[in-house]
Amino acid sequence: MILINLLPYREERRKRRKAAFFAGLGLAALVGAGLVVAAYLLLEFLTQEQREHNQYIQSAVTQLESQIKDIANLKAEIESLKSRQKAVEDLQTDRNTPVQLLNDLARLAPEGIYLTAIRQDNKLVTVSGIAQTNERVSEFLRNVSRSSEWLEKPDLIEVKLANVTTNTRDQRRLLDFSMKVSIKAPPSEATPGMPAASGPKKT
């Protein structure tokens, strides 16, 4: 039996094309939606990874800050210990200074020099005395400048005539002088508390 389609074939073909177009459009929409979902999931994953990385960095920074603070505290303690050590060393040196000072002055004073007063103000010492001549005063200054282990920078303040009455009630014309001298650090080989060897004071 022969079947003959009496419907217009062009209209049927148009319907098929239209159906195929909508099917393709739906498929494209599904593919696009899938890509959007995949991109969102990927972005969310990367964001989470970045958050975890940032948290790790923040934790490491906090730990480093704590270590830096501990190091700063340790440095402060070290500086405090150094200050205490220096204070003890300075105290030890200052305790021995009067002995060394008197020993040096006794050793360096030439014959004809009589010391009457010694005043110390920190590292500066004022020495007063009586001399027979100007030459004795000059020799005393040279000795302090060249031969002293504890004294330096002698500076003569004044020299004036002084009348001194002796036990025999006669008058002698002597010189009244005063000088300033600085205390310097002892040589490294000197033993703390042990004055340098010296001869007796010449008077």
Protein backbone atom coordinates (compact mmCIF):
# COMPACT_ATOMS: atom_id res chain seq x y z
CA MET A 1 0.00 0.00 0.00
CA ILE A 2 1.49 3.37 -0.88
CA LEU A 3 1.18 6.20 1.70
CA ILE A 4 1.22 9.71 0.46
CA ASN A 5 1.92 12.58 2.88
CA LEU A 6 -0.36 15.37 1.99
CA LEU A 7 1.04 17.84 4.64
CA PRO A 8 3.37 20.57 3.42
CA TYR A 9 6.92 19.28 3.86
CA ARG A 10 8.36 22.74 4.35
CA GLU A 11 6.31 23.34 7.46
CA GLU A 12 7.41 20.03 8.89
CA ARG A 13 11.06 20.84 8.24
CA ARG A 14 10.66 24.22 9.89
CA LYS A 15 9.24 22.56 13.00
CA ARG A 16 12.11 20.12 13.17
CA ARG A 17 14.62 22.96 12.85
CA LYS A 18 12.83 24.90 15.53
CA ALA A 19 12.82 21.92 17.85
CA ALA A 20 16.51 21.30 17.16
CA PHE A 21 17.26 25.00 17.84
CA PHE A 22 15.50 24.95 21.20
CA ALA A 23 17.17 21.68 22.09
CA GLY A 24 20.59 23.19 21.27
CA LEU A 25 19.70 26.33 23.20
CA GLY A 26 18.75 24.27 26.24
CA LEU A 27 21.93 22.23 25.96
CA ALA A 28 23.98 25.42 25.73
CA ALA A 29 22.20 26.79 28.78
CA LEU A 30 22.96 23.63 30.70
CA VAL A 31 26.60 23.72 29.62
CA GLY A 32 26.83 27.42 30.57
CA ALA A 33 25.24 26.77 33.95
CA GLY A 34 27.66 23.90 34.50
CA LEU A 35 30.61 26.12 33.66
CA VAL A 36 29.36 28.84 36.03
CA VAL A 37 28.92 26.30 38.82
CA ALA A 38 32.38 24.85 38.13
CA ALA A 39 33.95 28.34 38.11
CA TYR A 40 32.17 29.21 41.37
CA LEU A 41 33.35 26.00 43.01
CA LEU A 42 36.90 26.57 41.78
CA LEU A 43 36.86 30.16 43.03
CA GLU A 44 35.49 29.05 46.38
CA PHE A 45 38.22 26.41 46.63
CA LEU A 46 40.96 28.92 45.80
CA THR A 47 39.47 31.41 48.28
CA GLN A 48 39.47 28.79 51.02
CA GLU A 49 43.05 27.86 50.19
CA GLN A 50 44.05 31.53 50.38
CA ARG A 51 42.26 31.92 53.71
CA GLU A 52 44.14 28.94 55.14
CA HIS A 53 47.41 30.33 53.75
CA ASN A 54 46.69 33.73 55.31
CA GLN A 55 45.88 32.10 58.64
CA TYR A 56 49.16 30.19 58.51
CA ILE A 57 51.08 33.38 57.74
CA GLN A 58 49.29 35.23 60.56
CA SER A 59 50.11 32.41 62.96
CA ALA A 60 53.76 32.47 61.89
CA VAL A 61 53.88 36.27 62.27
CA THR A 62 52.38 36.04 65.76
CA GLN A 63 54.95 33.41 66.72
CA LEU A 64 57.79 35.52 65.32
CA GLU A 65 56.54 38.59 67.18
CA SER A 66 56.53 36.58 70.39
CA GLN A 67 60.10 35.40 69.72
CA ILE A 68 61.20 38.96 68.90
CA LYS A 69 59.66 40.16 72.16
CA ASP A 70 61.51 37.41 74.05
CA ILE A 71 64.77 38.41 72.32
CA ALA A 72 64.17 42.07 73.22
CA ASN A 73 63.55 41.11 76.85
CA LEU A 74 66.71 38.97 76.82
CA LYS A 75 68.73 41.86 75.40
CA ALA A 76 67.34 44.15 78.10
CA GLU A 77 68.35 41.65 80.77
CA ILE A 78 71.83 41.37 79.25
CA GLU A 79 72.22 45.16 79.22
CA SER A 80 71.02 45.29 82.83
CA LEU A 81 73.57 42.64 83.83
CA LYS A 82 76.31 44.54 81.98
CA SER A 83 75.33 47.75 83.79
CA ARG A 84 75.47 45.95 87.14
CA GLN A 85 78.83 44.41 86.27
CA LYS A 86 80.21 47.82 85.27
CA ALA A 87 78.86 49.35 88.48
CA VAL A 88 80.61 46.66 90.54
CA GLU A 89 83.85 47.13 88.59
CA ASP A 90 83.65 50.91 89.01
CA LEU A 91 83.00 50.47 92.72
CA GLN A 92 86.02 48.17 93.01
CA THR A 93 88.18 50.68 91.14
CA ASP A 94 86.88 53.62 93.18
CA ARG A 95 87.60 51.74 96.38
CA ASN A 96 91.25 51.37 95.39
CA THR A 97 91.62 54.87 93.96
CA PRO A 98 92.50 56.70 97.22
CA VAL A 99 95.28 54.23 97.97
CA GLN A 100 96.71 54.50 94.48
CA LEU A 101 96.33 58.29 94.51
CA LEU A 102 98.23 58.78 97.76
CA ASN A 103 100.86 56.27 96.69
CA ASP A 104 101.43 58.05 93.37
CA LEU A 105 101.62 61.50 94.93
CA ALA A 106 104.07 60.30 97.56
CA ARG A 107 106.25 58.70 94.89
CA LEU A 108 106.19 61.65 92.51
CA ALA A 109 106.64 64.52 94.97
CA PRO A 110 110.29 65.67 94.75
CA GLU A 111 112.42 66.84 97.64
CA GLY A 112 111.30 70.25 98.83
CA ILE A 113 107.58 69.64 98.19
CA TYR A 114 105.18 69.40 101.14
CA LEU A 115 101.57 68.46 100.43
CA THR A 116 99.02 70.09 102.73
CA ALA A 117 95.63 69.18 101.21
CA ILE A 118 94.16 66.73 98.69
CA ARG A 119 90.56 67.02 97.51
CA GLN A 120 88.90 64.61 95.07
CA ASP A 121 85.79 65.44 93.03
CA ASN A 122 84.89 62.43 90.88
CA LYS A 123 87.87 62.06 88.52
CA LEU A 124 89.40 65.46 89.31
CA VAL A 125 91.85 65.93 92.19
CA THR A 126 92.98 69.27 93.64
CA VAL A 127 96.38 69.16 95.36
CA SER A 128 97.65 71.96 97.57
CA GLY A 129 101.08 72.21 99.12
CA ILE A 130 104.20 74.22 99.94
CA ALA A 131 107.36 74.25 97.84
CA GLN A 132 110.80 75.64 98.46
CA THR A 133 111.22 76.92 94.88
CA ASN A 134 109.41 77.23 91.57
CA GLU A 135 111.74 74.59 90.18
CA ARG A 136 110.37 72.06 92.69
CA VAL A 137 106.81 72.79 91.56
CA SER A 138 107.82 72.39 87.90
CA GLU A 139 109.55 69.10 88.68
CA PHE A 140 106.43 67.87 90.48
CA LEU A 141 104.29 68.70 87.43
CA ARG A 142 106.73 66.91 85.12
CA ASN A 143 106.77 63.82 87.32
CA VAL A 144 102.98 63.63 87.36
CA SER A 145 102.79 64.16 83.61
CA ARG A 146 105.46 61.61 82.65
CA SER A 147 105.75 58.98 85.37
CA SER A 148 102.32 58.53 86.94
CA GLU A 149 100.28 55.39 86.26
CA TRP A 150 97.12 56.81 87.80
CA LEU A 151 97.30 60.57 87.24
CA GLU A 152 97.39 62.70 84.10
CA LYS A 153 96.93 66.22 82.76
CA PRO A 154 98.39 68.22 85.67
CA ASP A 155 97.30 71.86 85.62
CA LEU A 156 98.88 74.45 87.90
CA ILE A 157 96.25 76.74 89.42
CA GLU A 158 98.40 79.26 91.30
CA VAL A 159 101.72 79.83 93.01
CA LYS A 160 102.16 82.54 95.63
CA LEU A 161 104.55 83.49 98.38
CA ALA A 162 103.78 82.10 101.83
CA ASN A 163 105.47 82.86 105.13
CA VAL A 164 105.78 79.74 107.29
CA THR A 165 106.91 79.93 110.90
CA THR A 166 109.19 77.07 111.90
CA ASN A 167 109.72 75.64 115.36
CA THR A 168 112.80 77.86 115.79
CA ARG A 169 110.60 80.94 115.27
CA ASP A 170 112.48 82.08 112.18
CA GLN A 171 110.74 83.07 108.96
CA ARG A 172 111.35 81.23 105.68
CA ARG A 173 110.02 82.46 102.34
CA LEU A 174 108.28 79.50 100.73
CA LEU A 175 105.79 79.09 97.87
CA ASP A 176 102.17 78.11 98.40
CA PHE A 177 100.87 76.28 95.31
CA SER A 178 97.76 74.41 94.13
CA MET A 179 97.21 72.23 91.09
CA LYS A 180 94.53 70.08 89.48
CA VAL A 181 95.15 66.62 88.10
CA SER A 182 92.87 64.01 86.50
CA ILE A 183 92.61 60.36 87.52
CA LYS A 184 93.07 57.94 84.65
CA ALA A 185 92.30 54.24 84.35
CA PRO A 186 95.06 51.99 85.73
CA PRO A 187 97.16 49.92 83.29
CA SER A 188 95.72 46.51 82.44
CA GLU A 189 98.60 44.64 84.04
CA ALA A 190 98.06 46.33 87.41
CA THR A 191 96.38 44.14 90.01
CA PRO A 192 93.27 45.74 91.54
CA GLY A 193 93.79 46.71 95.15
CA MET A 194 97.60 46.41 94.98
CA PRO A 195 99.41 49.79 94.82
CA ALA A 196 102.42 50.11 92.58
CA ALA A 197 105.82 49.81 94.18
CA SER A 198 107.33 53.15 95.08
CA GLY A 199 109.94 54.72 97.23
CA PRO A 200 109.28 56.86 100.28
CA LYS A 201 108.14 60.43 99.90
CA LYS A 202 110.97 62.88 99.76
CA THR A 203 110.51 65.90 102.00
